[in-house]
Protein backbone atom coordinates (compact mmCIF):
# COMPACT_ATOMS: atom_id res chain seq x y z
CA MET A 1 -20.92 6.81 16.65
CA SER A 2 -17.38 6.97 18.01
CA LEU A 3 -18.49 6.54 21.62
CA ALA A 4 -20.61 3.53 20.68
CA ALA A 5 -17.70 1.99 18.77
CA MET A 6 -15.33 2.59 21.68
CA ALA A 7 -17.78 1.08 24.16
CA ALA A 8 -18.12 -2.05 22.02
CA GLY A 9 -14.40 -2.46 21.37
CA LEU A 10 -13.21 -1.74 24.90
CA GLY A 11 -16.00 -3.86 26.35
CA GLY A 12 -14.93 -6.79 24.19
CA PHE A 13 -11.31 -6.29 25.25
CA VAL A 14 -12.20 -6.32 28.95
CA LEU A 15 -14.34 -9.43 28.44
CA LEU A 16 -11.46 -11.29 26.81
CA GLN A 17 -9.05 -10.28 29.56
CA VAL A 18 -11.43 -11.41 32.29
CA VAL A 19 -12.19 -14.76 30.63
CA ALA A 20 -8.49 -15.40 30.01
CA TRP A 21 -7.60 -14.44 33.59
CA LEU A 22 -10.20 -16.81 34.98
CA ARG A 23 -9.14 -19.66 32.69
CA ALA A 24 -5.51 -19.09 33.73
CA GLY A 25 -6.39 -19.43 37.40
CA GLY A 26 -6.02 -15.78 38.30
CA VAL A 27 -2.71 -15.25 36.48
CA PHE A 28 -2.16 -12.49 33.91
CA GLU A 29 -0.37 -13.63 30.78
CA TYR A 30 -0.35 -12.73 27.11
CA PRO A 31 -1.72 -15.19 24.53
CA LEU A 32 1.47 -15.12 22.45
CA ASP A 33 5.12 -15.69 23.31
CA ASP A 34 6.01 -13.15 20.61
CA VAL A 35 5.06 -10.28 22.93
CA TYR A 36 8.07 -11.09 25.06
CA ILE A 37 10.39 -10.97 22.06
CA HIS A 38 9.50 -7.32 21.67
CA LEU A 39 9.80 -6.75 25.41
CA ALA A 40 13.26 -8.35 25.39
CA ILE A 41 14.30 -6.11 22.49
CA GLY A 42 12.89 -3.14 24.41
CA GLU A 43 15.11 -4.12 27.35
CA GLN A 44 18.19 -4.10 25.14
CA ILE A 45 17.21 -0.78 23.54
CA ALA A 46 16.95 0.75 27.00
CA ARG A 47 20.52 -0.46 27.63
CA GLY A 48 21.84 0.92 24.36
CA GLY A 49 21.67 -2.30 22.32
CA TYR A 50 19.27 -4.02 19.97
CA GLY A 51 18.25 -7.69 20.03
CA VAL A 52 17.58 -10.20 22.78
CA ASN A 53 21.12 -10.84 24.03
CA ALA A 54 23.44 -8.15 25.40
CA GLY A 55 26.14 -7.19 22.91
CA GLU A 56 24.65 -9.23 20.04
CA PRO A 57 22.50 -7.24 17.56
CA ALA A 58 19.56 -9.20 16.20
CA SER A 59 16.40 -8.24 14.30
CA ALA A 60 14.06 -10.66 16.06
CA GLY A 61 11.06 -8.32 15.73
CA SER A 62 9.29 -7.35 12.50
CA SER A 63 8.16 -3.89 13.58
CA PRO A 64 10.54 -0.94 13.16
CA LEU A 65 8.79 1.13 15.85
CA TYR A 66 7.08 -1.17 18.36
CA PRO A 67 10.18 -2.38 20.27
CA PHE A 68 11.23 1.24 20.80
CA LEU A 69 7.81 1.97 22.31
CA LEU A 70 8.56 -0.84 24.77
CA ALA A 71 11.88 0.58 25.96
CA PRO A 72 10.41 2.77 28.74
CA LEU A 73 10.06 1.13 32.16
CA ALA A 74 12.54 -1.63 31.22
CA GLY A 75 13.79 -3.36 34.33
CA SER A 76 10.74 -2.42 36.41
CA SER A 77 7.82 -4.61 37.44
CA LEU A 78 5.54 -2.44 35.27
CA HIS A 79 7.46 -3.09 32.06
CA ARG A 80 5.66 -6.38 31.34
CA PHE A 81 2.33 -4.55 31.25
CA LEU A 82 3.40 -1.91 28.72
CA PRO A 83 2.09 -3.88 25.69
CA LEU A 84 -1.26 -4.17 27.48
CA ALA A 85 -1.43 -0.40 28.00
CA LEU A 86 -0.33 0.42 24.44
CA ASN A 87 -2.87 -1.96 22.94
CA LEU A 88 -5.66 -0.61 25.12
CA ALA A 89 -4.84 2.91 23.92
CA GLY A 90 -4.50 1.76 20.30
CA LEU A 91 -7.84 -0.02 20.47
CA ALA A 92 -9.54 3.11 21.81
CA VAL A 93 -8.08 5.18 18.95
CA ALA A 94 -9.02 2.58 16.32
CA CYS A 95 -12.61 2.40 17.58
CA TRP A 96 -12.91 6.19 17.69
CA ILE A 97 -11.69 6.51 14.10
CA TRP A 98 -13.96 3.66 12.99
CA GLY A 99 -16.91 5.51 14.49
CA ARG A 100 -15.91 8.72 12.69
CA ILE A 101 -15.66 6.89 9.36
CA VAL A 102 -19.10 5.34 9.81
CA ALA A 103 -20.60 8.71 10.79
CA ARG A 104 -19.12 10.41 7.71
CA ALA A 105 -20.34 7.68 5.34
CA GLY A 106 -23.84 9.15 5.46
CA PHE A 107 -25.93 6.18 6.59
CA GLY A 108 -29.01 6.59 8.78
CA ARG A 109 -28.66 6.65 12.54
CA ARG A 110 -29.74 3.05 13.18
CA THR A 111 -27.67 1.65 10.34
CA GLY A 112 -24.68 3.73 11.33
CA LEU A 113 -24.99 2.63 14.95
CA ALA A 114 -25.10 -1.02 13.90
CA LEU A 115 -21.94 -0.58 11.81
CA ALA A 116 -20.22 1.38 14.59
CA VAL A 117 -20.90 -1.28 17.23
CA LEU A 118 -20.47 -4.44 15.16
CA GLY A 119 -17.29 -3.27 13.42
CA PRO A 120 -14.91 -3.41 16.42
CA LEU A 121 -16.39 -6.74 17.51
CA GLY A 122 -16.81 -8.46 14.14
CA LEU A 123 -13.49 -7.29 12.71
CA ASN A 124 -11.59 -8.62 15.74
CA MET A 125 -10.26 -5.26 16.93
CA ALA A 126 -10.65 -6.32 20.56
CA GLY A 127 -9.18 -9.75 19.81
CA VAL A 128 -6.07 -8.40 18.12
CA ALA A 129 -5.49 -5.85 20.89
CA PHE A 130 -5.82 -8.75 23.35
CA LEU A 131 -2.77 -10.39 21.74
CA GLY A 132 -0.48 -7.59 22.93
CA MET A 133 1.39 -7.14 19.65
CA GLU A 134 1.76 -4.14 17.33
CA HIS A 135 -0.99 -5.20 14.93
CA GLY A 136 -3.76 -3.35 16.75
CA LEU A 137 -1.76 -0.12 16.61
CA HIS A 138 -1.14 -0.75 12.92
CA ALA A 139 -4.89 -1.11 12.36
CA ALA A 140 -5.46 2.23 14.11
CA ALA A 141 -2.90 3.90 11.83
CA SER A 142 -4.52 2.28 8.78
CA LEU A 143 -7.92 3.62 9.78
CA ALA A 144 -6.35 7.06 10.20
CA VAL A 145 -5.20 6.80 6.58
CA LEU A 146 -8.75 6.04 5.43
CA LEU A 147 -10.33 8.83 7.49
CA GLY A 148 -7.72 11.32 6.32
CA LEU A 149 -8.18 10.24 2.72
CA GLN A 150 -11.95 10.67 2.96
CA ARG A 151 -11.53 14.19 4.36
CA PHE A 152 -9.08 14.98 1.58
CA LEU A 153 -11.47 13.83 -1.13
CA ASP A 154 -14.46 15.66 0.39
CA GLU A 155 -12.80 18.86 1.54
CA GLY A 156 -9.46 19.03 -0.26
CA ARG A 157 -7.47 19.39 2.98
CA ILE A 158 -4.72 17.22 4.39
CA ASP A 159 -5.32 16.78 8.11
CA PRO A 160 -2.70 15.87 10.71
CA ILE A 161 -4.49 12.55 11.24
CA PHE A 162 -3.92 11.72 7.57
CA VAL A 163 -0.21 12.50 7.81
CA ALA A 164 0.09 10.57 11.08
CA GLY A 165 -1.59 7.49 9.60
CA VAL A 166 0.52 7.52 6.44
CA VAL A 167 3.75 7.81 8.45
CA LEU A 168 2.91 5.49 11.36
CA ALA A 169 1.40 2.60 9.37
CA PRO A 170 4.72 1.50 7.76
CA ALA A 171 6.66 2.42 10.91
CA LEU A 172 4.57 -0.07 12.86
CA ARG A 173 4.48 -2.79 10.19
CA LEU A 174 6.32 -2.84 6.89
CA GLU A 175 3.11 -3.97 5.16
CA GLY A 176 1.81 -0.47 5.87
CA LEU A 177 3.82 0.80 2.91
CA ALA A 178 1.18 -0.62 0.55
CA LEU A 179 -1.79 1.24 2.06
CA SER A 180 0.17 4.45 2.65
CA GLY A 181 1.54 4.30 -0.88
CA ALA A 182 -1.92 3.73 -2.34
CA ALA A 183 -3.31 6.69 -0.39
CA LEU A 184 -0.50 8.93 -1.58
CA LEU A 185 -1.21 7.86 -5.13
CA VAL A 186 -4.69 9.32 -4.72
CA VAL A 187 -3.20 12.58 -3.46
CA LEU A 188 -0.78 12.63 -6.39
CA ILE A 189 -3.51 12.00 -8.98
CA ALA A 190 -5.55 14.79 -7.39
CA GLY A 191 -2.76 17.17 -8.39
CA ARG A 192 -1.23 17.67 -4.94
CA TRP A 193 2.12 16.25 -5.98
CA ARG A 194 4.18 18.31 -3.51
CA ALA A 195 2.10 17.09 -0.57
CA ALA A 196 2.29 13.50 -1.88
CA LEU A 197 6.08 13.66 -2.19
CA VAL A 198 6.59 15.22 1.23
CA MET A 199 4.28 12.72 2.94
CA GLY A 200 5.90 9.89 1.02
CA ALA A 201 9.33 10.99 2.22
CA PHE A 202 8.12 11.09 5.82
CA ALA A 203 6.53 7.65 5.43
CA ALA A 204 9.65 6.13 3.88
CA ALA A 205 12.06 7.72 6.36
CA PRO A 206 11.34 5.43 9.35
CA VAL A 207 11.54 2.33 7.17
CA ALA A 208 14.74 3.44 5.43
CA GLY A 209 16.21 4.54 8.73
CA PHE A 210 15.36 1.19 10.32
CA MET A 211 16.97 -0.74 7.48
CA ALA A 212 20.07 1.46 7.64
CA PHE A 213 20.20 0.92 11.41
CA LEU A 214 20.09 -2.86 10.91
CA ALA A 215 22.80 -2.71 8.23
CA GLN A 216 24.99 -0.52 10.45
CA ASN A 217 24.75 -3.24 13.12
CA GLY A 218 25.90 -5.92 10.68
CA LEU A 219 22.42 -7.30 9.98
CA GLU A 220 20.41 -7.79 6.82
CA PRO A 221 18.20 -4.77 6.02
CA VAL A 222 15.08 -6.96 6.11
CA PRO A 223 14.39 -8.09 9.70
CA ASN A 224 15.39 -11.66 10.40
CA SER A 225 11.96 -12.36 11.87
CA VAL A 226 10.41 -11.49 8.49
CA SER A 227 12.77 -13.83 6.66
CA ALA A 228 12.08 -16.61 9.17
CA LYS A 229 8.32 -16.38 8.65
CA LEU A 230 8.04 -15.77 4.93
CA VAL A 231 6.52 -18.73 3.13
CA ALA A 232 8.98 -18.30 0.28
CA THR A 233 11.96 -18.88 2.57
CA SER A 234 10.59 -21.82 4.51
CA THR A 235 8.03 -24.36 3.32
CA LEU A 236 8.33 -23.16 -0.29
CA ALA A 237 12.07 -22.56 -0.30
CA HIS A 238 12.54 -24.80 -3.36
CA LEU A 239 10.37 -22.49 -5.51
CA SER A 240 11.38 -19.35 -7.35
CA TRP A 241 10.29 -15.98 -5.95
CA LEU A 242 7.45 -15.75 -8.49
CA GLU A 243 6.26 -19.31 -7.86
CA ALA A 244 6.33 -18.82 -4.10
CA THR A 245 4.41 -15.53 -4.41
CA LEU A 246 1.74 -17.18 -6.54
CA ALA A 247 1.54 -20.08 -4.10
CA GLY A 248 1.14 -17.65 -1.21
CA LEU A 249 -1.54 -15.76 -3.13
CA ALA A 250 -3.40 -19.01 -3.85
CA TYR A 251 -3.33 -19.93 -0.16
CA ASN A 252 -4.43 -16.48 1.01
CA VAL A 253 -7.45 -16.23 -1.28
CA MET A 254 -8.68 -19.64 -0.07
CA THR A 255 -8.95 -18.48 3.54
CA LEU A 256 -12.24 -16.94 4.68
CA PRO A 257 -10.70 -13.49 5.24
CA GLY A 258 -9.10 -13.80 1.81
CA VAL A 259 -12.45 -14.59 0.19
CA ILE A 260 -14.00 -11.58 1.95
CA LEU A 261 -11.15 -9.33 0.79
CA VAL A 262 -11.60 -10.46 -2.82
CA ALA A 263 -15.33 -9.75 -2.56
CA VAL A 264 -14.67 -6.33 -0.99
CA ALA A 265 -12.27 -5.48 -3.82
CA ALA A 266 -14.87 -6.46 -6.42
CA VAL A 267 -17.67 -4.45 -4.78
CA ALA A 268 -15.35 -1.48 -4.18
CA GLY A 269 -14.39 -1.48 -7.86
CA TRP A 270 -18.03 -1.41 -8.94
CA ALA A 271 -18.99 1.21 -6.34
CA GLY A 272 -16.04 3.39 -7.29
CA ARG A 273 -17.12 3.45 -10.91
CA ARG A 274 -20.68 4.26 -9.84
CA ALA A 275 -19.55 7.09 -7.53
CA GLY A 276 -17.19 8.42 -10.18
CA GLY A 277 -14.56 11.14 -9.89
CA SER A 278 -12.03 10.91 -7.12
CA TRP A 279 -13.92 8.05 -5.46
CA ARG A 280 -13.11 5.88 -8.44
CA VAL A 281 -9.45 6.61 -7.79
CA MET A 282 -9.90 5.81 -4.11
CA SER A 283 -11.50 2.45 -4.92
CA SER A 284 -8.57 1.64 -7.20
CA ALA A 285 -6.12 2.51 -4.41
CA LEU A 286 -8.03 0.30 -1.96
CA ILE A 287 -7.99 -2.59 -4.43
CA LEU A 288 -4.25 -2.09 -4.92
CA ALA A 289 -3.63 -2.36 -1.17
CA ILE A 290 -5.81 -5.47 -0.91
CA VAL A 291 -4.05 -7.20 -3.81
CA ALA A 292 -0.64 -6.31 -2.33
CA HIS A 293 -1.49 -8.02 0.94
CA LEU A 294 -3.02 -11.07 -0.71
CA ALA A 295 0.08 -11.48 -2.86
CA PHE A 296 2.82 -10.69 -0.37
CA GLY A 297 1.24 -10.75 3.09
CA GLN A 298 0.25 -13.52 5.46
CA MET A 299 -3.01 -14.81 6.88
CA ASN A 300 -4.21 -16.85 9.83
CA TRP A 301 -1.26 -16.49 12.29
CA ALA A 302 -3.57 -15.90 15.27
CA ASN A 303 -5.55 -13.77 12.77
CA ARG A 304 -3.26 -10.81 13.29
CA TYR A 305 -1.30 -10.31 10.07
CA GLU A 306 -4.34 -9.60 7.86
CA HIS A 307 -6.05 -7.50 10.52
CA TYR A 308 -5.01 -4.06 9.22
CA ILE A 309 -6.09 -4.72 5.64
CA VAL A 310 -9.40 -6.33 6.66
CA VAL A 311 -10.27 -3.31 8.84
CA ALA A 312 -9.08 -0.82 6.21
CA ALA A 313 -10.89 -2.65 3.40
CA LEU A 314 -14.24 -2.63 5.20
CA ALA A 315 -13.80 1.00 6.28
CA GLY A 316 -12.97 1.99 2.72
CA LEU A 317 -15.91 0.02 1.34
CA ILE A 318 -18.29 1.77 3.77
CA LEU A 319 -17.05 5.16 2.61
CA ILE A 320 -17.25 4.32 -1.09
CA LEU A 321 -20.71 2.71 -0.86
CA GLY A 322 -21.94 5.71 1.12
CA ARG A 323 -21.08 7.87 -1.90
CA ALA A 324 -22.07 5.40 -4.63
CA ALA A 325 -25.50 4.45 -3.30
CA PRO A 326 -26.63 6.87 -0.60
CA GLY A 327 -29.84 5.80 1.13
CA ARG A 328 -29.96 2.35 -0.49
CA TRP A 329 -30.52 -0.45 2.04
CA TRP A 330 -28.00 -2.76 0.41
CA SER A 331 -25.18 -0.20 0.62
CA ALA A 332 -25.03 -0.90 4.36
CA ALA A 333 -26.14 -4.55 4.12
CA VAL A 334 -23.03 -5.54 2.13
CA PRO A 335 -20.41 -4.40 4.68
CA LEU A 336 -22.64 -5.51 7.59
CA SER A 337 -22.86 -9.00 6.11
CA ALA A 338 -19.09 -9.19 5.74
CA ILE A 339 -18.59 -7.98 9.32
CA VAL A 340 -21.04 -10.56 10.70
CA VAL A 341 -19.41 -13.42 8.77
CA LEU A 342 -15.93 -12.39 9.86
CA GLY A 343 -17.19 -11.93 13.41
CA GLY A 344 -18.28 -15.54 13.60
CA TYR A 345 -14.95 -16.68 12.20
CA TYR A 346 -12.72 -14.52 14.39
CA ASN A 347 -14.65 -14.58 17.65
CA SER A 348 -15.03 -18.36 17.74
CA ASP A 349 -11.24 -18.53 17.50
CA VAL A 350 -10.34 -15.86 20.04
CA LEU A 351 -12.96 -16.94 22.60
CA THR A 352 -11.74 -20.56 22.53
CA ASP A 353 -8.06 -20.80 21.61
CA GLY A 354 -7.32 -17.14 22.33
CA THR A 355 -8.52 -17.14 25.92
CA ALA A 356 -6.95 -20.58 26.53
CA SER A 357 -3.52 -19.38 25.39
CA PRO A 358 -2.53 -17.30 28.45
CA ARG A 359 -2.85 -20.35 30.71
CA ALA A 360 -0.95 -22.53 28.24
CA LEU A 361 1.81 -19.94 27.94
CA HIS A 362 2.00 -19.65 31.73
CA LEU A 363 2.33 -23.41 32.06
CA GLN A 364 4.84 -23.84 29.26
CA GLN A 365 6.98 -20.86 28.23
CA ALA A 366 6.76 -19.12 31.61
CA GLN A 367 7.85 -22.32 33.38
CA MET A 368 10.73 -22.74 30.93
CA ALA A 369 11.79 -19.17 31.70
CA HIS A 370 11.55 -19.87 35.44
CA PHE A 371 13.72 -22.96 35.05
CA VAL A 372 16.40 -21.12 33.08
CA ARG A 373 16.56 -18.14 35.43
CA THR A 374 16.29 -19.87 38.81
CA GLU A 375 17.52 -23.45 38.29
CA LEU A 376 19.71 -23.71 35.19
CA LYS A 377 21.39 -20.29 35.41
CA GLN A 378 23.40 -20.75 32.21
CA PRO A 379 23.04 -20.22 28.44
CA VAL A 380 20.23 -22.16 26.78
CA ALA A 381 18.94 -22.91 23.27
CA VAL A 382 15.23 -22.69 22.40
CA ASN A 383 12.83 -22.46 19.48
CA ASP A 384 10.24 -20.33 21.30
CA LEU A 385 12.28 -17.28 22.12
CA GLY A 386 10.26 -14.64 23.91
CA ARG A 387 9.43 -15.63 27.48
CA VAL A 388 12.79 -17.33 28.04
CA SER A 389 14.83 -14.37 26.76
CA TYR A 390 12.87 -11.68 28.62
CA ALA A 391 14.39 -10.48 31.92
CA ASN A 392 17.02 -13.22 31.58
CA PRO A 393 20.70 -12.31 32.12
CA HIS A 394 21.90 -15.53 30.45
CA TYR A 395 22.53 -16.03 26.73
CA VAL A 396 19.64 -17.47 24.70
CA LEU A 397 20.38 -19.16 21.35
CA ASP A 398 17.36 -19.07 19.05
CA LEU A 399 17.50 -22.26 16.98
CA TRP A 400 14.42 -21.29 14.96
CA GLY A 401 16.32 -18.27 13.74
CA LEU A 402 14.33 -15.15 14.61
CA ALA A 403 17.28 -13.84 16.62
CA SER A 404 20.03 -15.86 14.94
CA PRO A 405 20.82 -15.42 11.23
CA GLU A 406 23.21 -18.38 11.45
CA ALA A 407 20.54 -20.69 12.83
CA LEU A 408 17.99 -19.50 10.26
CA ALA A 409 20.35 -20.00 7.32
CA THR A 410 21.38 -23.41 8.57
CA ARG A 411 17.82 -24.56 9.27
CA LEU A 412 16.61 -23.54 5.80
CA SER A 413 19.53 -25.19 4.00
CA ARG A 414 18.21 -28.73 4.57
CA PRO A 415 21.13 -29.59 6.86
CA ALA A 416 22.23 -32.98 8.11
CA ARG A 417 21.02 -34.27 11.46
CA GLY A 418 22.66 -32.68 14.46
CA TRP A 419 23.11 -29.30 12.79
CA ALA A 420 22.55 -27.39 16.04
CA GLY A 421 25.61 -28.93 17.70
CA PRO A 422 28.27 -26.61 16.24
CA LEU A 423 26.12 -23.51 16.89
CA MET A 424 25.61 -24.49 20.51
CA ALA A 425 29.29 -25.22 21.01
CA GLN A 426 30.17 -21.85 19.50
CA HIS A 427 27.99 -20.09 22.08
CA ASN A 428 28.88 -22.38 24.98
CA VAL A 429 25.31 -23.67 25.24
CA ARG A 430 24.83 -27.13 26.73
CA VAL A 431 21.05 -27.32 27.24
CA ALA A 432 18.24 -27.04 24.70
CA LEU A 433 14.46 -26.71 25.27
CA ILE A 434 12.77 -27.43 21.93
CA TYR A 435 9.75 -28.82 20.13
CA ASP A 436 10.84 -32.16 18.65
CA ARG A 437 8.46 -31.81 15.70
CA TRP A 438 10.03 -28.47 14.80
CA LEU A 439 13.69 -29.18 15.40
CA GLY A 440 14.08 -32.94 15.61
CA ARG A 441 16.83 -32.88 12.97
CA ALA A 442 18.79 -30.36 15.02
CA VAL A 443 19.42 -32.88 17.81
CA GLY A 444 22.99 -34.19 17.92
CA GLU A 445 24.01 -37.84 18.31
CA THR A 446 25.59 -37.22 21.71
CA TRP A 447 22.61 -35.31 23.10
CA VAL A 448 20.83 -36.74 26.13
CA LYS A 449 17.09 -36.39 26.53
CA LEU A 450 16.40 -35.11 30.04
CA GLY A 451 12.61 -35.19 29.89
CA LYS A 452 9.51 -33.42 28.64
CA LEU A 453 7.49 -30.51 29.99
CA ARG A 454 3.85 -31.22 29.10
CA LEU A 455 0.53 -29.46 29.27
CA ASP A 456 -1.56 -31.92 31.27
CA GLY A 457 -5.23 -31.81 30.29
CA VAL A 458 -4.90 -28.17 29.24
CA SER A 459 -5.82 -26.67 25.87
CA LYS A 460 -2.73 -25.32 24.13
CA GLY A 461 -4.65 -22.47 22.48
CA PHE A 462 -2.33 -20.60 20.13
CA ILE A 463 0.75 -22.36 21.58
CA ALA A 464 2.38 -24.54 18.92
CA GLU A 465 2.88 -27.83 20.79
CA GLN A 466 1.71 -29.62 23.93
CA ALA A 467 5.21 -30.69 25.02
CA VAL A 468 8.74 -29.25 25.12
CA THR A 469 11.70 -31.63 25.23
CA PHE A 470 14.69 -30.82 27.42
CA TYR A 471 18.10 -31.94 26.10
CA ALA A 472 21.68 -31.78 27.29
CA THR A 473 24.42 -31.89 24.66
CA THR A 474 26.58 -34.46 26.51
CA PRO A 475 26.16 -37.03 29.30
CA LYS A 476 28.38 -34.87 31.50
CA ALA A 477 26.15 -31.83 31.00
CA ALA A 478 23.11 -34.01 31.65
CA ARG A 479 24.52 -35.23 34.97
CA GLU A 480 25.11 -31.64 36.04
CA VAL A 481 21.64 -30.46 35.05
CA ALA A 482 19.62 -33.47 36.28
CA PRO A 483 19.43 -32.45 39.98
CA SER A 484 17.94 -29.04 39.15
CA LEU A 485 15.16 -30.73 37.21
CA GLU A 486 13.92 -32.45 40.37
CA ASP A 487 13.22 -29.12 42.07
CA PHE A 488 11.75 -27.73 38.86
CA ALA A 489 9.35 -30.66 38.44
CA ALA A 490 8.26 -30.51 42.09
CA ASP A 491 7.34 -26.81 41.87
CA LEU A 492 5.33 -26.89 38.63
CA PRO A 493 1.80 -25.45 38.88
CA GLU A 494 -1.24 -27.59 38.29
CA GLY A 495 -1.71 -28.32 34.60
CA ALA A 496 2.01 -28.74 33.83
CA THR A 497 4.03 -31.92 34.37
CA PHE A 498 7.64 -32.86 33.75
CA SER A 499 8.26 -36.48 32.79
CA SER A 500 11.90 -37.43 33.28
CA SER A 501 13.80 -39.59 30.83
CA GLU A 502 15.48 -42.84 31.82
CA PHE A 503 18.71 -40.90 32.29
CA THR A 504 17.33 -38.51 34.89
CA GLU A 505 15.24 -41.18 36.59
CA ALA A 506 18.45 -43.15 37.09
CA GLY A 507 19.98 -40.17 38.85
CA GLY A 508 21.97 -39.08 35.85
CA LEU A 509 24.23 -42.12 35.97
CA GLY A 510 23.96 -43.03 32.31
CA SER A 511 27.01 -43.08 30.11
């Protein structure tokens, strides 16, 4: 089963890479700019710092562990491919564990083979690994928790894979605390309280250590990237914590993955009662983890944030149904149906927008980074941080706030127009490359629009906007920058265009 699952998952991953490479015109690129945020942090870790700018600590990444995994090879030409290698390895591990879970659930050979093959494809394991972020590794750790828990319930032993999953899941993503905590609750109820406490301490240590590390560097203990993305601190900032949580829960359960998770929780609850004994406790723990994500987690951001809980929920349901209704046709039909439905939802997204994104990122963020490094050669402000900050010796001010607590606090405070001006002056930044729809109110009265970098007839995929506007903070700065834009515009690859403003078209002679 494991070999079949690995063949399906790795085959899907290779297919996505090939399609994306062809659509990008023979250029390798990741689908998300966020990958480069972690790579930039990895660069600073390798130099003894933490953040995206030298000498300025910043918690621009949500994962405690992933940026540290990206510190090796920093500064070399191979460094950019480290997320690719890590995700390929993580996908292989996740598929192997998925196959082991299916094999141990007790279904017949044909049914088990169908679950083993369709799981990695339908549950978007290949698609999430394709993104290059830590979420695929988190899913592998979550599956390790489920496999270890199943072995514990069947055989009473705590395997190294169980310990590794419980510890690594929250180290890779803070959401992993819910699943690890639920699994340890099962161990505790089973009477192994010493083992539960020791494993809990090991699971909490990386998270506590990470928060202490951030505090020691003058940062908030919760990563700034988490605060910047939480619904309660952005679009629902006017609501109380409880109201925002309920609003987030209402949104999550209305998404297709949310509906599937609610259905899985209901079936798992029934199957747990039918199986009885420790499996009833396991079903309760699985439901607890599902509810925790629906209430406090996120959905639909390139389908990556819910990935771990969707994979864990279906794996747990397969195990519980295998005990509650062995040999019954519907015990396999229920998870297979969910996998097929989710497969249609996820694969239509990743095969269209997902494989279009590398080209869009190459034509937008990569060209911005090229301009800053080779033409501008000075500090810059942006709202898409990763590609511009990676391998860039110049200061990058993040106006969206992932790497700047000041910018985040200001942006969320409903500031007056031109709020970015003082921040840019403080950091000696005279040029900004931003999405107008995101940060239109940040533009100062004295700013000069230099032009727009556009995707020309190209799908933007997961990229947020078709066009990035280039600004200078003063007419003097605009006159100095304008000549470099001519060379930049002339060298753009096919599919990207730079349309100059009246100022630059006039040779920068405006007042």
